[in-house]
Amino acid sequence: VAYRVDSFEMVRSLVANGFGYALLNFVPPYNVYGHGTLTSRPLADVDR
């Protein structure tokens, strides 16, 4: 855990800008001029 933030938008911004990855249940598109973009992938080993 490199960063702990309590804002969903801050998580998306930090990830889009290359600070790390996140695990989220809801990932709307992120398209902010001058920032990176997001890609989401399924997590293979979740039981439920």
All heavy atoms as atom14 arrays in JSON, in Angstrom:
{
  "sequence": "VAYRVDSFEMVRSLVANGFGYALLNFVPPYNVYGHGTLTSRPLADVDR",
  "atom14_mask": [
    [1, 1, 1, 1, 1, 1, 1, 0, 0, 0, 0, 0, 0, 0],
    [1, 1, 1, 1, 1, 0, 0, 0, 0, 0, 0, 0, 0, 0],
    [1, 1, 1, 1, 1, 1, 1, 1, 1, 1, 1, 1, 0, 0],
    [1, 1, 1, 1, 1, 1, 1, 1, 1, 1, 1, 0, 0, 0],
    [1, 1, 1, 1, 1, 1, 1, 0, 0, 0, 0, 0, 0, 0],
    [1, 1, 1, 1, 1, 1, 1, 1, 0, 0, 0, 0, 0, 0],
    [1, 1, 1, 1, 1, 1, 0, 0, 0, 0, 0, 0, 0, 0],
    [1, 1, 1, 1, 1, 1, 1, 1, 1, 1, 1, 0, 0, 0],
    [1, 1, 1, 1, 1, 1, 1, 1, 1, 0, 0, 0, 0, 0],
    [1, 1, 1, 1, 1, 1, 1, 1, 0, 0, 0, 0, 0, 0],
    [1, 1, 1, 1, 1, 1, 1, 0, 0, 0, 0, 0, 0, 0],
    [1, 1, 1, 1, 1, 1, 1, 1, 1, 1, 1, 0, 0, 0],
    [1, 1, 1, 1, 1, 1, 0, 0, 0, 0, 0, 0, 0, 0],
    [1, 1, 1, 1, 1, 1, 1, 1, 0, 0, 0, 0, 0, 0],
    [1, 1, 1, 1, 1, 1, 1, 0, 0, 0, 0, 0, 0, 0],
    [1, 1, 1, 1, 1, 0, 0, 0, 0, 0, 0, 0, 0, 0],
    [1, 1, 1, 1, 1, 1, 1, 1, 0, 0, 0, 0, 0, 0],
    [1, 1, 1, 1, 0, 0, 0, 0, 0, 0, 0, 0, 0, 0],
    [1, 1, 1, 1, 1, 1, 1, 1, 1, 1, 1, 0, 0, 0],
    [1, 1, 1, 1, 0, 0, 0, 0, 0, 0, 0, 0, 0, 0],
    [1, 1, 1, 1, 1, 1, 1, 1, 1, 1, 1, 1, 0, 0],
    [1, 1, 1, 1, 1, 0, 0, 0, 0, 0, 0, 0, 0, 0],
    [1, 1, 1, 1, 1, 1, 1, 1, 0, 0, 0, 0, 0, 0],
    [1, 1, 1, 1, 1, 1, 1, 1, 0, 0, 0, 0, 0, 0],
    [1, 1, 1, 1, 1, 1, 1, 1, 0, 0, 0, 0, 0, 0],
    [1, 1, 1, 1, 1, 1, 1, 1, 1, 1, 1, 0, 0, 0],
    [1, 1, 1, 1, 1, 1, 1, 0, 0, 0, 0, 0, 0, 0],
    [1, 1, 1, 1, 1, 1, 1, 0, 0, 0, 0, 0, 0, 0],
    [1, 1, 1, 1, 1, 1, 1, 0, 0, 0, 0, 0, 0, 0],
    [1, 1, 1, 1, 1, 1, 1, 1, 1, 1, 1, 1, 0, 0],
    [1, 1, 1, 1, 1, 1, 1, 1, 0, 0, 0, 0, 0, 0],
    [1, 1, 1, 1, 1, 1, 1, 0, 0, 0, 0, 0, 0, 0],
    [1, 1, 1, 1, 1, 1, 1, 1, 1, 1, 1, 1, 0, 0],
    [1, 1, 1, 1, 0, 0, 0, 0, 0, 0, 0, 0, 0, 0],
    [1, 1, 1, 1, 1, 1, 1, 1, 1, 1, 0, 0, 0, 0],
    [1, 1, 1, 1, 0, 0, 0, 0, 0, 0, 0, 0, 0, 0],
    [1, 1, 1, 1, 1, 1, 1, 0, 0, 0, 0, 0, 0, 0],
    [1, 1, 1, 1, 1, 1, 1, 1, 0, 0, 0, 0, 0, 0],
    [1, 1, 1, 1, 1, 1, 1, 0, 0, 0, 0, 0, 0, 0],
    [1, 1, 1, 1, 1, 1, 0, 0, 0, 0, 0, 0, 0, 0],
    [1, 1, 1, 1, 1, 1, 1, 1, 1, 1, 1, 0, 0, 0],
    [1, 1, 1, 1, 1, 1, 1, 0, 0, 0, 0, 0, 0, 0],
    [1, 1, 1, 1, 1, 1, 1, 1, 0, 0, 0, 0, 0, 0],
    [1, 1, 1, 1, 1, 0, 0, 0, 0, 0, 0, 0, 0, 0],
    [1, 1, 1, 1, 1, 1, 1, 1, 0, 0, 0, 0, 0, 0],
    [1, 1, 1, 1, 1, 1, 1, 0, 0, 0, 0, 0, 0, 0],
    [1, 1, 1, 1, 1, 1, 1, 1, 0, 0, 0, 0, 0, 0],
    [1, 1, 1, 1, 1, 1, 1, 1, 1, 1, 1, 0, 0, 0]
  ],
  "atom14_positions": [
    [[0.87, -1.19, 0.0], [0.0, 0.0, 0.0], [0.9, 1.23, 0.0], [1.56, 1.53, 0.98], [-0.96, 0.0, 1.21], [-1.81, 1.27, 1.2], [-1.84, -1.25, 1.2], [0.0, 0.0, 0.0], [0.0, 0.0, 0.0], [0.0, 0.0, 0.0], [0.0, 0.0, 0.0], [0.0, 0.0, 0.0], [0.0, 0.0, 0.0], [0.0, 0.0, 0.0]],
    [[0.9, 1.93, -1.13], [1.74, 3.13, -1.28], [0.98, 4.4, -0.9], [1.57, 5.34, -0.39], [2.26, 3.23, -2.71], [0.0, 0.0, 0.0], [0.0, 0.0, 0.0], [0.0, 0.0, 0.0], [0.0, 0.0, 0.0], [0.0, 0.0, 0.0], [0.0, 0.0, 0.0], [0.0, 0.0, 0.0], [0.0, 0.0, 0.0], [0.0, 0.0, 0.0]],
    [[-0.33, 4.42, -1.18], [-1.15, 5.6, -0.92], [-2.49, 5.16, -0.36], [-3.11, 4.21, -0.85], [-1.39, 6.4, -2.21], [-0.11, 6.81, -2.88], [0.44, 6.02, -3.9], [0.57, 7.95, -2.48], [1.63, 6.37, -4.49], [1.76, 8.31, -3.07], [2.3, 7.51, -4.09], [3.48, 7.86, -4.66], [0.0, 0.0, 0.0], [0.0, 0.0, 0.0]],
    [[-2.96, 5.87, 0.66], [-4.28, 5.66, 1.25], [-5.06, 6.95, 1.08], [-4.66, 7.99, 1.59], [-4.17, 5.34, 2.74], [-3.5, 4.02, 3.03], [-3.32, 3.84, 4.54], [-2.75, 2.55, 4.84], [-3.46, 1.49, 5.2], [-4.76, 1.57, 5.34], [-2.86, 0.33, 5.43], [0.0, 0.0, 0.0], [0.0, 0.0, 0.0], [0.0, 0.0, 0.0]],
    [[-6.16, 6.88, 0.35], [-6.99, 8.07, 0.14], [-8.45, 7.69, 0.36], [-8.85, 6.56, 0.12], [-6.78, 8.69, -1.26], [-5.37, 9.22, -1.42], [-7.07, 7.68, -2.36], [0.0, 0.0, 0.0], [0.0, 0.0, 0.0], [0.0, 0.0, 0.0], [0.0, 0.0, 0.0], [0.0, 0.0, 0.0], [0.0, 0.0, 0.0], [0.0, 0.0, 0.0]],
    [[-9.24, 8.65, 0.84], [-10.65, 8.33, 1.11], [-11.59, 8.84, 0.03], [-12.8, 8.76, 0.15], [-11.07, 8.85, 2.48], [-11.08, 10.36, 2.58], [-10.7, 11.04, 1.62], [-11.48, 10.86, 3.65], [0.0, 0.0, 0.0], [0.0, 0.0, 0.0], [0.0, 0.0, 0.0], [0.0, 0.0, 0.0], [0.0, 0.0, 0.0], [0.0, 0.0, 0.0]],
    [[-11.04, 9.31, -1.08], [-11.85, 9.83, -2.18], [-11.73, 8.91, -3.4], [-10.62, 8.64, -3.88], [-11.38, 11.24, -2.54], [-11.8, 11.6, -3.83], [0.0, 0.0, 0.0], [0.0, 0.0, 0.0], [0.0, 0.0, 0.0], [0.0, 0.0, 0.0], [0.0, 0.0, 0.0], [0.0, 0.0, 0.0], [0.0, 0.0, 0.0], [0.0, 0.0, 0.0]],
    [[-12.87, 8.49, -3.91], [-12.92, 7.66, -5.11], [-12.25, 8.39, -6.28], [-11.48, 7.81, -7.03], [-14.39, 7.35, -5.41], [-14.62, 6.55, -6.65], [-14.36, 5.2, -6.69], [-15.12, 7.16, -7.79], [-14.57, 4.46, -7.84], [-15.34, 6.44, -8.94], [-15.07, 5.09, -8.97], [0.0, 0.0, 0.0], [0.0, 0.0, 0.0], [0.0, 0.0, 0.0]],
    [[-12.55, 9.68, -6.43], [-11.97, 10.45, -7.53], [-10.46, 10.58, -7.4], [-9.74, 10.54, -8.41], [-12.62, 11.83, -7.62], [-14.05, 11.79, -8.12], [-14.19, 11.13, -9.49], [-13.34, 11.35, -10.38], [-15.15, 10.37, -9.66], [0.0, 0.0, 0.0], [0.0, 0.0, 0.0], [0.0, 0.0, 0.0], [0.0, 0.0, 0.0], [0.0, 0.0, 0.0]],
    [[-9.96, 10.71, -6.18], [-8.52, 10.8, -5.97], [-7.85, 9.47, -6.34], [-6.77, 9.45, -6.94], [-8.19, 11.17, -4.53], [-6.7, 11.29, -4.25], [-5.88, 12.58, -5.17], [-6.34, 13.99, -4.21], [0.0, 0.0, 0.0], [0.0, 0.0, 0.0], [0.0, 0.0, 0.0], [0.0, 0.0, 0.0], [0.0, 0.0, 0.0], [0.0, 0.0, 0.0]],
    [[-8.48, 8.35, -6.0], [-7.95, 7.04, -6.38], [-7.8, 6.98, -7.89], [-6.74, 6.62, -8.43], [-8.84, 5.89, -5.87], [-8.44, 4.57, -6.5], [-8.8, 5.79, -4.36], [0.0, 0.0, 0.0], [0.0, 0.0, 0.0], [0.0, 0.0, 0.0], [0.0, 0.0, 0.0], [0.0, 0.0, 0.0], [0.0, 0.0, 0.0], [0.0, 0.0, 0.0]],
    [[-8.86, 7.33, -8.61], [-8.82, 7.26, -10.07], [-7.75, 8.19, -10.64], [-7.05, 7.82, -11.58], [-10.19, 7.6, -10.66], [-11.22, 6.54, -10.33], [-12.58, 6.72, -10.94], [-12.91, 8.02, -11.43], [-13.58, 8.26, -12.55], [-14.0, 7.26, -13.3], [-13.88, 9.48, -12.91], [0.0, 0.0, 0.0], [0.0, 0.0, 0.0], [0.0, 0.0, 0.0]],
    [[-7.61, 9.37, -10.09], [-6.61, 10.32, -10.58], [-5.19, 9.81, -10.35], [-4.35, 9.86, -11.24], [-6.81, 11.67, -9.9], [-5.82, 12.58, -10.32], [0.0, 0.0, 0.0], [0.0, 0.0, 0.0], [0.0, 0.0, 0.0], [0.0, 0.0, 0.0], [0.0, 0.0, 0.0], [0.0, 0.0, 0.0], [0.0, 0.0, 0.0], [0.0, 0.0, 0.0]],
    [[-4.92, 9.31, -9.14], [-3.58, 8.79, -8.84], [-3.23, 7.61, -9.75], [-2.11, 7.52, -10.27], [-3.48, 8.39, -7.37], [-3.41, 9.55, -6.36], [-3.51, 9.02, -4.94], [-2.15, 10.37, -6.56], [0.0, 0.0, 0.0], [0.0, 0.0, 0.0], [0.0, 0.0, 0.0], [0.0, 0.0, 0.0], [0.0, 0.0, 0.0], [0.0, 0.0, 0.0]],
    [[-4.17, 6.7, -9.95], [-3.91, 5.54, -10.82], [-3.7, 6.0, -12.26], [-2.73, 5.6, -12.91], [-5.05, 4.5, -10.72], [-4.86, 3.41, -11.77], [-5.09, 3.89, -9.32], [0.0, 0.0, 0.0], [0.0, 0.0, 0.0], [0.0, 0.0, 0.0], [0.0, 0.0, 0.0], [0.0, 0.0, 0.0], [0.0, 0.0, 0.0], [0.0, 0.0, 0.0]],
    [[-4.56, 6.86, -12.77], [-4.43, 7.33, -14.15], [-3.09, 8.02, -14.38], [-2.54, 7.97, -15.49], [-5.57, 8.28, -14.5], [0.0, 0.0, 0.0], [0.0, 0.0, 0.0], [0.0, 0.0, 0.0], [0.0, 0.0, 0.0], [0.0, 0.0, 0.0], [0.0, 0.0, 0.0], [0.0, 0.0, 0.0], [0.0, 0.0, 0.0], [0.0, 0.0, 0.0]],
    [[-2.55, 8.63, -13.34], [-1.28, 9.34, -13.46], [-0.08, 8.48, -13.09], [1.03, 9.0, -12.9], [-1.32, 10.62, -12.63], [-2.16, 11.67, -13.32], [-1.73, 12.24, -14.32], [-3.37, 11.9, -12.84], [0.0, 0.0, 0.0], [0.0, 0.0, 0.0], [0.0, 0.0, 0.0], [0.0, 0.0, 0.0], [0.0, 0.0, 0.0], [0.0, 0.0, 0.0]],
    [[-0.29, 7.16, -12.95], [0.83, 6.23, -12.81], [1.37, 6.01, -11.41], [2.45, 5.46, -11.25], [0.0, 0.0, 0.0], [0.0, 0.0, 0.0], [0.0, 0.0, 0.0], [0.0, 0.0, 0.0], [0.0, 0.0, 0.0], [0.0, 0.0, 0.0], [0.0, 0.0, 0.0], [0.0, 0.0, 0.0], [0.0, 0.0, 0.0], [0.0, 0.0, 0.0]],
    [[0.62, 6.4, -10.37], [1.11, 6.22, -9.01], [0.94, 4.8, -8.49], [1.48, 4.46, -7.45], [0.41, 7.2, -8.06], [0.9, 8.61, -8.21], [0.36, 9.44, -9.17], [1.91, 9.1, -7.4], [0.81, 10.75, -9.32], [2.38, 10.39, -7.54], [1.82, 11.22, -8.51], [0.0, 0.0, 0.0], [0.0, 0.0, 0.0], [0.0, 0.0, 0.0]],
    [[0.17, 3.98, -9.17], [-0.05, 2.61, -8.74], [-1.32, 2.06, -9.34], [-1.89, 2.64, -10.27], [0.0, 0.0, 0.0], [0.0, 0.0, 0.0], [0.0, 0.0, 0.0], [0.0, 0.0, 0.0], [0.0, 0.0, 0.0], [0.0, 0.0, 0.0], [0.0, 0.0, 0.0], [0.0, 0.0, 0.0], [0.0, 0.0, 0.0], [0.0, 0.0, 0.0]],
    [[-1.76, 0.93, -8.79], [-3.02, 0.29, -9.22], [-4.01, 0.44, -8.07], [-3.66, 0.8, -6.94], [-2.81, -1.18, -9.57], [-2.61, -2.05, -8.34], [-3.69, -2.68, -7.74], [-1.35, -2.21, -7.76], [-3.51, -3.45, -6.58], [-1.16, -2.97, -6.63], [-2.25, -3.58, -6.04], [-2.09, -4.33, -4.9], [0.0, 0.0, 0.0], [0.0, 0.0, 0.0]],
    [[-5.26, 0.13, -8.35], [-6.3, 0.1, -7.31], [-7.22, -1.07, -7.58], [-7.26, -1.62, -8.69], [-7.1, 1.4, -7.3], [0.0, 0.0, 0.0], [0.0, 0.0, 0.0], [0.0, 0.0, 0.0], [0.0, 0.0, 0.0], [0.0, 0.0, 0.0], [0.0, 0.0, 0.0], [0.0, 0.0, 0.0], [0.0, 0.0, 0.0], [0.0, 0.0, 0.0]],
    [[-7.93, -1.48, -6.55], [-9.0, -2.47, -6.69], [-10.32, -1.74, -6.41], [-10.47, -1.13, -5.35], [-8.81, -3.62, -5.69], [-7.54, -4.46, -5.85], [-7.51, -5.56, -4.8], [-7.44, -5.05, -7.24], [0.0, 0.0, 0.0], [0.0, 0.0, 0.0], [0.0, 0.0, 0.0], [0.0, 0.0, 0.0], [0.0, 0.0, 0.0], [0.0, 0.0, 0.0]],
    [[-11.22, -1.8, -7.37], [-12.5, -1.11, -7.25], [-13.61, -1.98, -7.83], [-13.38, -2.78, -8.73], [-12.48, 0.23, -8.0], [-11.49, 1.29, -7.53], [-11.45, 2.45, -8.52], [-11.86, 1.78, -6.14], [0.0, 0.0, 0.0], [0.0, 0.0, 0.0], [0.0, 0.0, 0.0], [0.0, 0.0, 0.0], [0.0, 0.0, 0.0], [0.0, 0.0, 0.0]],
    [[-14.84, -1.77, -7.33], [-16.0, -2.47, -7.86], [-16.68, -1.7, -8.99], [-17.47, -2.26, -9.72], [-17.06, -2.68, -6.77], [-16.58, -3.58, -5.68], [-15.97, -3.13, -4.75], [-16.86, -4.86, -5.79], [0.0, 0.0, 0.0], [0.0, 0.0, 0.0], [0.0, 0.0, 0.0], [0.0, 0.0, 0.0], [0.0, 0.0, 0.0], [0.0, 0.0, 0.0]],
    [[-16.4, -0.43, -9.07], [-17.09, 0.43, -10.02], [-16.05, 1.33, -10.67], [-15.36, 2.07, -9.99], [-18.13, 1.27, -9.26], [-18.86, 2.26, -10.1], [-19.74, 1.84, -11.08], [-18.67, 3.61, -9.9], [-20.42, 2.76, -11.86], [-19.35, 4.54, -10.67], [-20.23, 4.11, -11.66], [0.0, 0.0, 0.0], [0.0, 0.0, 0.0], [0.0, 0.0, 0.0]],
    [[-15.92, 1.23, -11.99], [-14.87, 1.98, -12.68], [-15.45, 2.71, -13.89], [-15.41, 2.21, -15.01], [-13.72, 1.05, -13.14], [-12.55, 1.87, -13.63], [-13.3, 0.11, -12.03], [0.0, 0.0, 0.0], [0.0, 0.0, 0.0], [0.0, 0.0, 0.0], [0.0, 0.0, 0.0], [0.0, 0.0, 0.0], [0.0, 0.0, 0.0], [0.0, 0.0, 0.0]],
    [[-16.02, 3.89, -13.66], [-16.48, 4.66, -14.81], [-15.3, 5.18, -15.61], [-14.18, 5.26, -15.09], [-17.28, 5.8, -14.19], [-16.79, 5.91, -12.8], [-16.28, 4.56, -12.39], [0.0, 0.0, 0.0], [0.0, 0.0, 0.0], [0.0, 0.0, 0.0], [0.0, 0.0, 0.0], [0.0, 0.0, 0.0], [0.0, 0.0, 0.0], [0.0, 0.0, 0.0]],
    [[-15.51, 5.54, -16.86], [-14.4, 6.06, -17.68], [-13.75, 7.27, -17.02], [-14.4, 8.04, -16.33], [-15.08, 6.46, -18.99], [-16.37, 5.73, -19.01], [-16.77, 5.52, -17.58], [0.0, 0.0, 0.0], [0.0, 0.0, 0.0], [0.0, 0.0, 0.0], [0.0, 0.0, 0.0], [0.0, 0.0, 0.0], [0.0, 0.0, 0.0], [0.0, 0.0, 0.0]],
    [[-12.46, 7.41, -17.27], [-11.7, 8.55, -16.73], [-11.02, 9.21, -17.91], [-10.15, 8.62, -18.55], [-10.67, 8.06, -15.72], [-9.91, 9.17, -15.05], [-10.44, 9.81, -13.93], [-8.68, 9.59, -15.52], [-9.75, 10.84, -13.3], [-7.98, 10.61, -14.89], [-8.52, 11.23, -13.79], [-7.84, 12.24, -13.16], [0.0, 0.0, 0.0], [0.0, 0.0, 0.0]],
    [[-11.44, 10.42, -18.21], [-10.88, 11.12, -19.35], [-10.71, 12.59, -18.97], [-11.59, 13.4, -19.19], [-11.79, 10.97, -20.57], [-11.16, 11.52, -21.82], [-9.98, 11.88, -21.83], [-11.94, 11.57, -22.89], [0.0, 0.0, 0.0], [0.0, 0.0, 0.0], [0.0, 0.0, 0.0], [0.0, 0.0, 0.0], [0.0, 0.0, 0.0], [0.0, 0.0, 0.0]],
    [[-9.58, 12.9, -18.36], [-9.28, 14.26, -17.93], [-8.09, 14.75, -18.74], [-7.02, 14.12, -18.74], [-8.98, 14.32, -16.41], [-8.6, 15.72, -15.99], [-10.16, 13.8, -15.61], [0.0, 0.0, 0.0], [0.0, 0.0, 0.0], [0.0, 0.0, 0.0], [0.0, 0.0, 0.0], [0.0, 0.0, 0.0], [0.0, 0.0, 0.0], [0.0, 0.0, 0.0]],
    [[-8.27, 15.83, -19.46], [-7.23, 16.36, -20.32], [-5.94, 16.56, -19.53], [-5.93, 17.12, -18.44], [-7.68, 17.69, -20.94], [-6.64, 18.28, -21.85], [-6.41, 17.75, -23.12], [-5.85, 19.35, -21.42], [-5.44, 18.28, -23.94], [-4.87, 19.89, -22.25], [-4.66, 19.35, -23.51], [-3.7, 19.85, -24.32], [0.0, 0.0, 0.0], [0.0, 0.0, 0.0]],
    [[-4.84, 16.09, -20.09], [-3.53, 16.26, -19.47], [-3.17, 15.17, -18.48], [-2.09, 15.2, -17.9], [0.0, 0.0, 0.0], [0.0, 0.0, 0.0], [0.0, 0.0, 0.0], [0.0, 0.0, 0.0], [0.0, 0.0, 0.0], [0.0, 0.0, 0.0], [0.0, 0.0, 0.0], [0.0, 0.0, 0.0], [0.0, 0.0, 0.0], [0.0, 0.0, 0.0]],
    [[-4.08, 14.25, -18.22], [-3.83, 13.15, -17.3], [-3.85, 11.85, -18.08], [-4.3, 11.81, -19.23], [-4.88, 13.1, -16.19], [-4.84, 14.3, -15.3], [-4.13, 14.32, -14.13], [-5.41, 15.52, -15.42], [-4.27, 15.5, -13.56], [-5.04, 16.26, -14.32], [0.0, 0.0, 0.0], [0.0, 0.0, 0.0], [0.0, 0.0, 0.0], [0.0, 0.0, 0.0]],
    [[-3.42, 10.79, -17.46], [-3.46, 9.49, -18.1], [-4.88, 8.95, -18.16], [-5.84, 9.61, -17.76], [0.0, 0.0, 0.0], [0.0, 0.0, 0.0], [0.0, 0.0, 0.0], [0.0, 0.0, 0.0], [0.0, 0.0, 0.0], [0.0, 0.0, 0.0], [0.0, 0.0, 0.0], [0.0, 0.0, 0.0], [0.0, 0.0, 0.0], [0.0, 0.0, 0.0]],
    [[-5.0, 7.74, -18.67], [-6.31, 7.08, -18.73], [-6.24, 5.78, -17.95], [-5.16, 5.3, -17.59], [-6.71, 6.79, -20.19], [-5.69, 5.99, -20.8], [-6.9, 8.08, -20.98], [0.0, 0.0, 0.0], [0.0, 0.0, 0.0], [0.0, 0.0, 0.0], [0.0, 0.0, 0.0], [0.0, 0.0, 0.0], [0.0, 0.0, 0.0], [0.0, 0.0, 0.0]],
    [[-7.4, 5.22, -17.68], [-7.51, 3.99, -16.89], [-7.89, 2.8, -17.75], [-8.6, 2.93, -18.74], [-8.6, 4.16, -15.82], [-8.4, 5.23, -14.77], [-9.62, 5.32, -13.87], [-7.15, 4.95, -13.96], [0.0, 0.0, 0.0], [0.0, 0.0, 0.0], [0.0, 0.0, 0.0], [0.0, 0.0, 0.0], [0.0, 0.0, 0.0], [0.0, 0.0, 0.0]],
    [[-7.44, 1.65, -17.3], [-7.85, 0.37, -17.85], [-8.24, -0.5, -16.67], [-7.56, -0.49, -15.64], [-6.7, -0.3, -18.63], [-6.32, 0.54, -19.71], [-7.09, -1.66, -19.14], [0.0, 0.0, 0.0], [0.0, 0.0, 0.0], [0.0, 0.0, 0.0], [0.0, 0.0, 0.0], [0.0, 0.0, 0.0], [0.0, 0.0, 0.0], [0.0, 0.0, 0.0]],
    [[-9.33, -1.23, -16.78], [-9.7, -2.16, -15.71], [-9.7, -3.58, -16.26], [-10.03, -3.81, -17.42], [-11.06, -1.81, -15.11], [-12.07, -1.93, -16.07], [0.0, 0.0, 0.0], [0.0, 0.0, 0.0], [0.0, 0.0, 0.0], [0.0, 0.0, 0.0], [0.0, 0.0, 0.0], [0.0, 0.0, 0.0], [0.0, 0.0, 0.0], [0.0, 0.0, 0.0]],
    [[-9.3, -4.49, -15.4], [-9.25, -5.91, -15.73], [-9.88, -6.7, -14.6], [-9.79, -6.32, -13.43], [-7.79, -6.37, -15.91], [-7.08, -5.76, -17.08], [-7.66, -6.31, -18.39], [-7.08, -5.67, -19.55], [-7.72, -4.8, -20.33], [-8.94, -4.44, -20.04], [-7.13, -4.28, -21.37], [0.0, 0.0, 0.0], [0.0, 0.0, 0.0], [0.0, 0.0, 0.0]],
    [[-10.52, -7.84, -14.94], [-11.09, -8.68, -13.88], [-9.99, -9.2, -12.96], [-8.86, -9.42, -13.39], [-11.74, -9.84, -14.64], [-11.81, -9.41, -16.06], [-10.74, -8.37, -16.27], [0.0, 0.0, 0.0], [0.0, 0.0, 0.0], [0.0, 0.0, 0.0], [0.0, 0.0, 0.0], [0.0, 0.0, 0.0], [0.0, 0.0, 0.0], [0.0, 0.0, 0.0]],
    [[-10.36, -9.39, -11.71], [-9.46, -10.01, -10.75], [-9.8, -11.49, -10.73], [-10.92, -11.87, -10.42], [-9.64, -9.38, -9.36], [-8.65, -9.8, -8.29], [-7.22, -9.49, -8.72], [-8.96, -9.08, -7.0], [0.0, 0.0, 0.0], [0.0, 0.0, 0.0], [0.0, 0.0, 0.0], [0.0, 0.0, 0.0], [0.0, 0.0, 0.0], [0.0, 0.0, 0.0]],
    [[-8.82, -12.31, -11.1], [-9.07, -13.73, -11.35], [-9.38, -14.54, -10.11], [-10.09, -15.54, -10.18], [-7.88, -14.34, -12.08], [0.0, 0.0, 0.0], [0.0, 0.0, 0.0], [0.0, 0.0, 0.0], [0.0, 0.0, 0.0], [0.0, 0.0, 0.0], [0.0, 0.0, 0.0], [0.0, 0.0, 0.0], [0.0, 0.0, 0.0], [0.0, 0.0, 0.0]],
    [[-8.87, -14.17, -8.95], [-8.96, -15.06, -7.8], [-9.85, -14.53, -6.67], [-9.5, -14.6, -5.51], [-7.58, -15.43, -7.27], [-6.62, -14.25, -7.19], [-7.02, -13.12, -7.5], [-5.47, -14.48, -6.82], [0.0, 0.0, 0.0], [0.0, 0.0, 0.0], [0.0, 0.0, 0.0], [0.0, 0.0, 0.0], [0.0, 0.0, 0.0], [0.0, 0.0, 0.0]],
    [[-11.03, -14.05, -7.02], [-12.0, -13.62, -6.02], [-13.09, -14.67, -5.96], [-13.67, -15.04, -6.98], [-12.6, -12.24, -6.37], [-13.72, -11.88, -5.42], [-11.52, -11.18, -6.33], [0.0, 0.0, 0.0], [0.0, 0.0, 0.0], [0.0, 0.0, 0.0], [0.0, 0.0, 0.0], [0.0, 0.0, 0.0], [0.0, 0.0, 0.0], [0.0, 0.0, 0.0]],
    [[-13.34, -15.17, -4.74], [-14.31, -16.25, -4.57], [-15.75, -15.8, -4.76], [-16.56, -16.48, -5.36], [-14.17, -16.88, -3.18], [-12.8, -17.48, -2.96], [-12.2, -17.96, -3.94], [-12.32, -17.45, -1.82], [0.0, 0.0, 0.0], [0.0, 0.0, 0.0], [0.0, 0.0, 0.0], [0.0, 0.0, 0.0], [0.0, 0.0, 0.0], [0.0, 0.0, 0.0]],
    [[-16.08, -14.64, -4.22], [-17.46, -14.19, -4.25], [-17.51, -12.68, -4.52], [-17.07, -11.9, -3.7], [-18.13, -14.46, -2.9], [-19.56, -14.0, -2.79], [-19.98, -14.08, -1.31], [-21.07, -13.26, -0.9], [-21.15, -11.94, -0.9], [-20.18, -11.22, -1.35], [-22.21, -11.31, -0.46], [0.0, 0.0, 0.0], [0.0, 0.0, 0.0], [0.0, 0.0, 0.0]]
  ]
}
